[in-house]
Amino acid sequence: MAAIHAALVSTLQARGADETTARIAADMAISIWRVAAGRWLHGDDSTFAAEVRDVTGQLRRIAAGSHADAEGEAAAAPL
């Protein structure tokens, strides 16, 4: 994973991101991949792409200050 992280950081910097932004984005991309892959490998019938979309949505809700519970109800994010 370290090589993938380094490649992501390098590519993002080549596209104009500063080092801190590139590192944060690479960290989040790898975290999304890890969680989505784990759910996909141990899940029932969901696709990997669907898991990536779901995890990305959860991260967006967390960043916005809320998250949805299992029923889709928004709740305050613990920070």
PDB file of N, CA and C in Angstrom:
ATOM      1  N   MET A   1       0.819  -1.205   0.000  1.00  0.00           N
ATOM      2  CA  MET A   1       0.000   0.000   0.000  1.00  0.00           C
ATOM      3  C   MET A   1       0.860   1.265   0.000  1.00  0.00           C
ATOM      4  N   ALA A   2       2.055   1.176   0.553  1.00  0.00           N
ATOM      5  CA  ALA A   2       2.921   2.357   0.602  1.00  0.00           C
ATOM      6  C   ALA A   2       3.278   2.841  -0.801  1.00  0.00           C
ATOM      7  N   ALA A   3       3.504   1.916  -1.715  1.00  0.00           N
ATOM      8  CA  ALA A   3       3.845   2.303  -3.086  1.00  0.00           C
ATOM      9  C   ALA A   3       2.652   2.969  -3.777  1.00  0.00           C
ATOM     10  N   ILE A   4       1.451   2.456  -3.524  1.00  0.00           N
ATOM     11  CA  ILE A   4       0.251   3.056  -4.106  1.00  0.00           C
ATOM     12  C   ILE A   4       0.049   4.454  -3.535  1.00  0.00           C
ATOM     13  N   HIS A   5       0.232   4.596  -2.225  1.00  0.00           N
ATOM     14  CA  HIS A   5       0.093   5.896  -1.572  1.00  0.00           C
ATOM     15  C   HIS A   5       1.077   6.891  -2.181  1.00  0.00           C
ATOM     16  N   ALA A   6       2.329   6.485  -2.318  1.00  0.00           N
ATOM     17  CA  ALA A   6       3.348   7.376  -2.881  1.00  0.00           C
ATOM     18  C   ALA A   6       3.006   7.768  -4.318  1.00  0.00           C
ATOM     19  N   ALA A   7       2.513   6.817  -5.097  1.00  0.00           N
ATOM     20  CA  ALA A   7       2.143   7.105  -6.482  1.00  0.00           C
ATOM     21  C   ALA A   7       0.967   8.081  -6.545  1.00  0.00           C
ATOM     22  N   LEU A   8      -0.017   7.895  -5.666  1.00  0.00           N
ATOM     23  CA  LEU A   8      -1.153   8.815  -5.617  1.00  0.00           C
ATOM     24  C   LEU A   8      -0.697  10.222  -5.252  1.00  0.00           C
ATOM     25  N   VAL A   9       0.135  10.331  -4.226  1.00  0.00           N
ATOM     26  CA  VAL A   9       0.637  11.639  -3.799  1.00  0.00           C
ATOM     27  C   VAL A   9       1.389  12.309  -4.939  1.00  0.00           C
ATOM     28  N   SER A  10       2.276  11.561  -5.569  1.00  0.00           N
ATOM     29  CA  SER A  10       3.071  12.106  -6.677  1.00  0.00           C
ATOM     30  C   SER A  10       2.183  12.576  -7.824  1.00  0.00           C
ATOM     31  N   THR A  11       1.207  11.763  -8.189  1.00  0.00           N
ATOM     32  CA  THR A  11       0.308  12.114  -9.293  1.00  0.00           C
ATOM     33  C   THR A  11      -0.528  13.346  -8.960  1.00  0.00           C
ATOM     34  N   LEU A  12      -1.034  13.407  -7.739  1.00  0.00           N
ATOM     35  CA  LEU A  12      -1.833  14.566  -7.341  1.00  0.00           C
ATOM     36  C   LEU A  12      -0.991  15.843  -7.331  1.00  0.00           C
ATOM     37  N   GLN A  13       0.254  15.740  -6.879  1.00  0.00           N
ATOM     38  CA  GLN A  13       1.130  16.902  -6.895  1.00  0.00           C
ATOM     39  C   GLN A  13       1.445  17.321  -8.333  1.00  0.00           C
ATOM     40  N   ALA A  14       1.639  16.342  -9.214  1.00  0.00           N
ATOM     41  CA  ALA A  14       1.901  16.656 -10.621  1.00  0.00           C
ATOM     42  C   ALA A  14       0.707  17.366 -11.256  1.00  0.00           C
ATOM     43  N   ARG A  15      -0.484  17.123 -10.709  1.00  0.00           N
ATOM     44  CA  ARG A  15      -1.703  17.766 -11.218  1.00  0.00           C
ATOM     45  C   ARG A  15      -2.017  19.068 -10.504  1.00  0.00           C
ATOM     46  N   GLY A  16      -1.103  19.529  -9.644  1.00  0.00           N
ATOM     47  CA  GLY A  16      -1.251  20.840  -9.043  1.00  0.00           C
ATOM     48  C   GLY A  16      -1.591  20.892  -7.573  1.00  0.00           C
ATOM     49  N   ALA A  17      -1.809  19.753  -6.926  1.00  0.00           N
ATOM     50  CA  ALA A  17      -2.125  19.755  -5.494  1.00  0.00           C
ATOM     51  C   ALA A  17      -0.852  20.013  -4.686  1.00  0.00           C
ATOM     52  N   ASP A  18      -0.995  20.764  -3.593  1.00  0.00           N
ATOM     53  CA  ASP A  18       0.146  20.929  -2.707  1.00  0.00           C
ATOM     54  C   ASP A  18       0.365  19.606  -1.956  1.00  0.00           C
ATOM     55  N   GLU A  19       1.512  19.471  -1.305  1.00  0.00           N
ATOM     56  CA  GLU A  19       1.863  18.201  -0.668  1.00  0.00           C
ATOM     57  C   GLU A  19       0.862  17.766   0.396  1.00  0.00           C
ATOM     58  N   THR A  20       0.432  18.684   1.242  1.00  0.00           N
ATOM     59  CA  THR A  20      -0.514  18.323   2.300  1.00  0.00           C
ATOM     60  C   THR A  20      -1.835  17.838   1.716  1.00  0.00           C
ATOM     61  N   THR A  21      -2.362  18.563   0.759  1.00  0.00           N
ATOM     62  CA  THR A  21      -3.615  18.162   0.121  1.00  0.00           C
ATOM     63  C   THR A  21      -3.467  16.807  -0.560  1.00  0.00           C
ATOM     64  N   ALA A  22      -2.368  16.609  -1.247  1.00  0.00           N
ATOM     65  CA  ALA A  22      -2.123  15.339  -1.939  1.00  0.00           C
ATOM     66  C   ALA A  22      -2.057  14.186  -0.947  1.00  0.00           C
ATOM     67  N   ARG A  23      -1.393  14.381   0.168  1.00  0.00           N
ATOM     68  CA  ARG A  23      -1.290  13.315   1.175  1.00  0.00           C
ATOM     69  C   ARG A  23      -2.643  13.000   1.805  1.00  0.00           C
ATOM     70  N   ILE A  24      -3.410  14.017   2.122  1.00  0.00           N
ATOM     71  CA  ILE A  24      -4.742  13.795   2.701  1.00  0.00           C
ATOM     72  C   ILE A  24      -5.625  13.052   1.707  1.00  0.00           C
ATOM     73  N   ALA A  25      -5.622  13.492   0.458  1.00  0.00           N
ATOM     74  CA  ALA A  25      -6.448  12.837  -0.567  1.00  0.00           C
ATOM     75  C   ALA A  25      -6.014  11.383  -0.763  1.00  0.00           C
ATOM     76  N   ALA A  26      -4.727  11.120  -0.775  1.00  0.00           N
ATOM     77  CA  ALA A  26      -4.236   9.748  -0.927  1.00  0.00           C
ATOM     78  C   ALA A  26      -4.637   8.902   0.279  1.00  0.00           C
ATOM     79  N   ASP A  27      -4.532   9.452   1.470  1.00  0.00           N
ATOM     80  CA  ASP A  27      -4.958   8.732   2.679  1.00  0.00           C
ATOM     81  C   ASP A  27      -6.437   8.358   2.601  1.00  0.00           C
ATOM     82  N   MET A  28      -7.262   9.310   2.190  1.00  0.00           N
ATOM     83  CA  MET A  28      -8.698   9.049   2.105  1.00  0.00           C
ATOM     84  C   MET A  28      -9.011   8.030   1.015  1.00  0.00           C
ATOM     85  N   ALA A  29      -8.338   8.120  -0.120  1.00  0.00           N
ATOM     86  CA  ALA A  29      -8.568   7.161  -1.206  1.00  0.00           C
ATOM     87  C   ALA A  29      -8.245   5.742  -0.757  1.00  0.00           C
ATOM     88  N   ILE A  30      -7.142   5.581  -0.058  1.00  0.00           N
ATOM     89  CA  ILE A  30      -6.762   4.249   0.411  1.00  0.00           C
ATOM     90  C   ILE A  30      -7.707   3.769   1.494  1.00  0.00           C
ATOM     91  N   SER A  31      -8.139   4.651   2.363  1.00  0.00           N
ATOM     92  CA  SER A  31      -9.109   4.260   3.399  1.00  0.00           C
ATOM     93  C   SER A  31     -10.424   3.814   2.771  1.00  0.00           C
ATOM     94  N   ILE A  32     -10.893   4.569   1.785  1.00  0.00           N
ATOM     95  CA  ILE A  32     -12.127   4.191   1.089  1.00  0.00           C
ATOM     96  C   ILE A  32     -11.955   2.820   0.449  1.00  0.00           C
ATOM     97  N   TRP A  33     -10.835   2.602  -0.215  1.00  0.00           N
ATOM     98  CA  TRP A  33     -10.582   1.319  -0.881  1.00  0.00           C
ATOM     99  C   TRP A  33     -10.581   0.176   0.136  1.00  0.00           C
ATOM    100  N   ARG A  34      -9.882   0.361   1.247  1.00  0.00           N
ATOM    101  CA  ARG A  34      -9.793  -0.699   2.265  1.00  0.00           C
ATOM    102  C   ARG A  34     -11.166  -1.070   2.822  1.00  0.00           C
ATOM    103  N   VAL A  35     -11.936  -0.074   3.199  1.00  0.00           N
ATOM    104  CA  VAL A  35     -13.257  -0.339   3.774  1.00  0.00           C
ATOM    105  C   VAL A  35     -14.172  -0.974   2.735  1.00  0.00           C
ATOM    106  N   ALA A  36     -14.188  -0.403   1.530  1.00  0.00           N
ATOM    107  CA  ALA A  36     -15.048  -0.944   0.469  1.00  0.00           C
ATOM    108  C   ALA A  36     -14.659  -2.371   0.115  1.00  0.00           C
ATOM    109  N   ALA A  37     -13.369  -2.644   0.010  1.00  0.00           N
ATOM    110  CA  ALA A  37     -12.917  -3.997  -0.329  1.00  0.00           C
ATOM    111  C   ALA A  37     -13.312  -4.989   0.750  1.00  0.00           C
ATOM    112  N   GLY A  38     -13.152  -4.611   2.008  1.00  0.00           N
ATOM    113  CA  GLY A  38     -13.545  -5.495   3.102  1.00  0.00           C
ATOM    114  C   GLY A  38     -15.024  -5.805   3.090  1.00  0.00           C
ATOM    115  N   ARG A  39     -15.836  -4.780   2.862  1.00  0.00           N
ATOM    116  CA  ARG A  39     -17.286  -4.997   2.815  1.00  0.00           C
ATOM    117  C   ARG A  39     -17.678  -5.854   1.617  1.00  0.00           C
ATOM    118  N   TRP A  40     -17.046  -5.605   0.478  1.00  0.00           N
ATOM    119  CA  TRP A  40     -17.350  -6.355  -0.747  1.00  0.00           C
ATOM    120  C   TRP A  40     -16.949  -7.820  -0.609  1.00  0.00           C
ATOM    121  N   LEU A  41     -15.777  -8.067  -0.053  1.00  0.00           N
ATOM    122  CA  LEU A  41     -15.295  -9.444   0.092  1.00  0.00           C
ATOM    123  C   LEU A  41     -16.126 -10.247   1.080  1.00  0.00           C
ATOM    124  N   HIS A  42     -16.678  -9.585   2.087  1.00  0.00           N
ATOM    125  CA  HIS A  42     -17.433 -10.290   3.124  1.00  0.00           C
ATOM    126  C   HIS A  42     -18.939 -10.079   3.006  1.00  0.00           C
ATOM    127  N   GLY A  43     -19.364  -9.390   1.951  1.00  0.00           N
ATOM    128  CA  GLY A  43     -20.780  -9.095   1.777  1.00  0.00           C
ATOM    129  C   GLY A  43     -21.489 -10.153   0.959  1.00  0.00           C
ATOM    130  N   ASP A  44     -22.723  -9.853   0.651  1.00  0.00           N
ATOM    131  CA  ASP A  44     -23.568 -10.791  -0.075  1.00  0.00           C
ATOM    132  C   ASP A  44     -23.493 -10.585  -1.583  1.00  0.00           C
ATOM    133  N   ASP A  45     -24.235  -9.611  -2.084  1.00  0.00           N
ATOM    134  CA  ASP A  45     -24.375  -9.478  -3.526  1.00  0.00           C
ATOM    135  C   ASP A  45     -24.032  -8.095  -4.065  1.00  0.00           C
ATOM    136  N   SER A  46     -23.423  -7.255  -3.275  1.00  0.00           N
ATOM    137  CA  SER A  46     -23.081  -5.907  -3.708  1.00  0.00           C
ATOM    138  C   SER A  46     -21.837  -5.932  -4.597  1.00  0.00           C
ATOM    139  N   THR A  47     -21.750  -4.964  -5.496  1.00  0.00           N
ATOM    140  CA  THR A  47     -20.553  -4.843  -6.325  1.00  0.00           C
ATOM    141  C   THR A  47     -19.511  -4.000  -5.598  1.00  0.00           C
ATOM    142  N   PHE A  48     -18.266  -4.132  -6.017  1.00  0.00           N
ATOM    143  CA  PHE A  48     -17.204  -3.315  -5.432  1.00  0.00           C
ATOM    144  C   PHE A  48     -17.488  -1.839  -5.682  1.00  0.00           C
ATOM    145  N   ALA A  49     -17.941  -1.502  -6.884  1.00  0.00           N
ATOM    146  CA  ALA A  49     -18.248  -0.105  -7.208  1.00  0.00           C
ATOM    147  C   ALA A  49     -19.332   0.454  -6.286  1.00  0.00           C
ATOM    148  N   ALA A  50     -20.342  -0.352  -5.993  1.00  0.00           N
ATOM    149  CA  ALA A  50     -21.408   0.088  -5.092  1.00  0.00           C
ATOM    150  C   ALA A  50     -20.859   0.332  -3.688  1.00  0.00           C
ATOM    151  N   GLU A  51     -19.960  -0.525  -3.248  1.00  0.00           N
ATOM    152  CA  GLU A  51     -19.359  -0.341  -1.925  1.00  0.00           C
ATOM    153  C   GLU A  51     -18.511   0.926  -1.889  1.00  0.00           C
ATOM    154  N   VAL A  52     -17.752   1.192  -2.960  1.00  0.00           N
ATOM    155  CA  VAL A  52     -16.944   2.412  -3.020  1.00  0.00           C
ATOM    156  C   VAL A  52     -17.852   3.638  -2.958  1.00  0.00           C
ATOM    157  N   ARG A  53     -18.949   3.621  -3.711  1.00  0.00           N
ATOM    158  CA  ARG A  53     -19.897   4.751  -3.682  1.00  0.00           C
ATOM    159  C   ARG A  53     -20.468   4.944  -2.276  1.00  0.00           C
ATOM    160  N   ASP A  54     -20.833   3.847  -1.616  1.00  0.00           N
ATOM    161  CA  ASP A  54     -21.424   3.943  -0.281  1.00  0.00           C
ATOM    162  C   ASP A  54     -20.417   4.492   0.726  1.00  0.00           C
ATOM    163  N   VAL A  55     -19.215   3.961   0.714  1.00  0.00           N
ATOM    164  CA  VAL A  55     -18.184   4.422   1.655  1.00  0.00           C
ATOM    165  C   VAL A  55     -17.833   5.883   1.384  1.00  0.00           C
ATOM    166  N   THR A  56     -17.740   6.261   0.110  1.00  0.00           N
ATOM    167  CA  THR A  56     -17.458   7.648  -0.238  1.00  0.00           C
ATOM    168  C   THR A  56     -18.575   8.560   0.255  1.00  0.00           C
ATOM    169  N   GLY A  57     -19.803   8.120   0.110  1.00  0.00           N
ATOM    170  CA  GLY A  57     -20.939   8.889   0.623  1.00  0.00           C
ATOM    171  C   GLY A  57     -20.884   9.042   2.130  1.00  0.00           C
ATOM    172  N   GLN A  58     -20.504   7.971   2.820  1.00  0.00           N
ATOM    173  CA  GLN A  58     -20.379   8.050   4.279  1.00  0.00           C
ATOM    174  C   GLN A  58     -19.303   9.057   4.667  1.00  0.00           C
ATOM    175  N   LEU A  59     -18.186   9.043   3.968  1.00  0.00           N
ATOM    176  CA  LEU A  59     -17.106   9.992   4.259  1.00  0.00           C
ATOM    177  C   LEU A  59     -17.571  11.426   3.997  1.00  0.00           C
ATOM    178  N   ARG A  60     -18.312  11.637   2.931  1.00  0.00           N
ATOM    179  CA  ARG A  60     -18.837  12.978   2.641  1.00  0.00           C
ATOM    180  C   ARG A  60     -19.764  13.459   3.747  1.00  0.00           C
ATOM    181  N   ARG A  61     -20.623  12.554   4.236  1.00  0.00           N
ATOM    182  CA  ARG A  61     -21.540  12.935   5.323  1.00  0.00           C
ATOM    183  C   ARG A  61     -20.762  13.246   6.601  1.00  0.00           C
ATOM    184  N   ILE A  62     -19.740  12.477   6.877  1.00  0.00           N
ATOM    185  CA  ILE A  62     -18.911  12.739   8.057  1.00  0.00           C
ATOM    186  C   ILE A  62     -18.256  14.110   7.931  1.00  0.00           C
ATOM    187  N   ALA A  63     -17.698  14.396   6.758  1.00  0.00           N
ATOM    188  CA  ALA A  63     -17.035  15.683   6.534  1.00  0.00           C
ATOM    189  C   ALA A  63     -18.021  16.848   6.642  1.00  0.00           C
ATOM    190  N   ALA A  64     -19.274  16.589   6.287  1.00  0.00           N
ATOM    191  CA  ALA A  64     -20.300  17.634   6.362  1.00  0.00           C
ATOM    192  C   ALA A  64     -20.844  17.807   7.778  1.00  0.00           C
ATOM    193  N   GLY A  65     -20.449  16.909   8.678  1.00  0.00           N
ATOM    194  CA  GLY A  65     -20.882  17.052  10.061  1.00  0.00           C
ATOM    195  C   GLY A  65     -22.020  16.154  10.470  1.00  0.00           C
ATOM    196  N   SER A  66     -22.412  15.232   9.604  1.00  0.00           N
ATOM    197  CA  SER A  66     -23.465  14.296   9.976  1.00  0.00           C
ATOM    198  C   SER A  66     -23.212  12.967   9.279  1.00  0.00           C
ATOM    199  N   HIS A  67     -23.880  11.938   9.747  1.00  0.00           N
ATOM    200  CA  HIS A  67     -23.825  10.633   9.092  1.00  0.00           C
ATOM    201  C   HIS A  67     -25.198  10.001   9.198  1.00  0.00           C
ATOM    202  N   ALA A  68     -25.453   9.040   8.354  1.00  0.00           N
ATOM    203  CA  ALA A  68     -26.750   8.376   8.373  1.00  0.00           C
ATOM    204  C   ALA A  68     -26.628   7.036   9.067  1.00  0.00           C
ATOM    205  N   ASP A  69     -27.613   6.711   9.870  1.00  0.00           N
ATOM    206  CA  ASP A  69     -27.618   5.400  10.513  1.00  0.00           C
ATOM    207  C   ASP A  69     -28.132   4.353   9.525  1.00  0.00           C
ATOM    208  N   ALA A  70     -28.348   3.144   9.976  1.00  0.00           N
ATOM    209  CA  ALA A  70     -28.749   2.041   9.105  1.00  0.00           C
ATOM    210  C   ALA A  70     -30.056   2.309   8.364  1.00  0.00           C
ATOM    211  N   GLU A  71     -30.920   3.137   8.940  1.00  0.00           N
ATOM    212  CA  GLU A  71     -32.201   3.445   8.301  1.00  0.00           C
ATOM    213  C   GLU A  71     -32.117   4.703   7.442  1.00  0.00           C
ATOM    214  N   GLY A  72     -30.926   5.287   7.335  1.00  0.00           N
ATOM    215  CA  GLY A  72     -30.762   6.490   6.526  1.00  0.00           C
ATOM    216  C   GLY A  72     -31.076   7.778   7.263  1.00  0.00           C
ATOM    217  N   GLU A  73     -31.340   7.679   8.556  1.00  0.00           N
ATOM    218  CA  GLU A  73     -31.620   8.873   9.356  1.00  0.00           C
ATOM    219  C   GLU A  73     -30.316   9.570   9.689  1.00  0.00           C
ATOM    220  N   ALA A  74     -30.273  10.869   9.478  1.00  0.00           N
ATOM    221  CA  ALA A  74     -29.076  11.638   9.767  1.00  0.00           C
ATOM    222  C   ALA A  74     -28.903  11.795  11.277  1.00  0.00           C
ATOM    223  N   ALA A  75     -27.678  11.695  11.715  1.00  0.00           N
ATOM    224  CA  ALA A  75     -27.339  11.905  13.127  1.00  0.00           C
ATOM    225  C   ALA A  75     -26.068  12.727  13.194  1.00  0.00           C
ATOM    226  N   ALA A  76     -25.897  13.450  14.259  1.00  0.00           N
ATOM    227  CA  ALA A  76     -24.694  14.253  14.417  1.00  0.00           C
ATOM    228  C   ALA A  76     -23.477  13.346  14.463  1.00  0.00           C
ATOM    229  N   ALA A  77     -22.433  13.767  13.776  1.00  0.00           N
ATOM    230  CA  ALA A  77     -21.196  12.994  13.762  1.00  0.00           C
ATOM    231  C   ALA A  77     -20.411  13.279  15.030  1.00  0.00           C
ATOM    232  N   PRO A  78     -19.924  12.235  15.690  1.00  0.00           N
ATOM    233  CA  PRO A  78     -19.099  12.465  16.875  1.00  0.00           C
ATOM    234  C   PRO A  78     -17.720  12.955  16.456  1.00  0.00           C
ATOM    235  N   LEU A  79     -17.314  14.083  16.973  1.00  0.00           N
ATOM    236  CA  LEU A  79     -15.983  14.619  16.643  1.00  0.00           C
ATOM    237  C   LEU A  79     -15.199  14.892  17.875  1.00  0.00           C
TER     238      LEU A  79
END
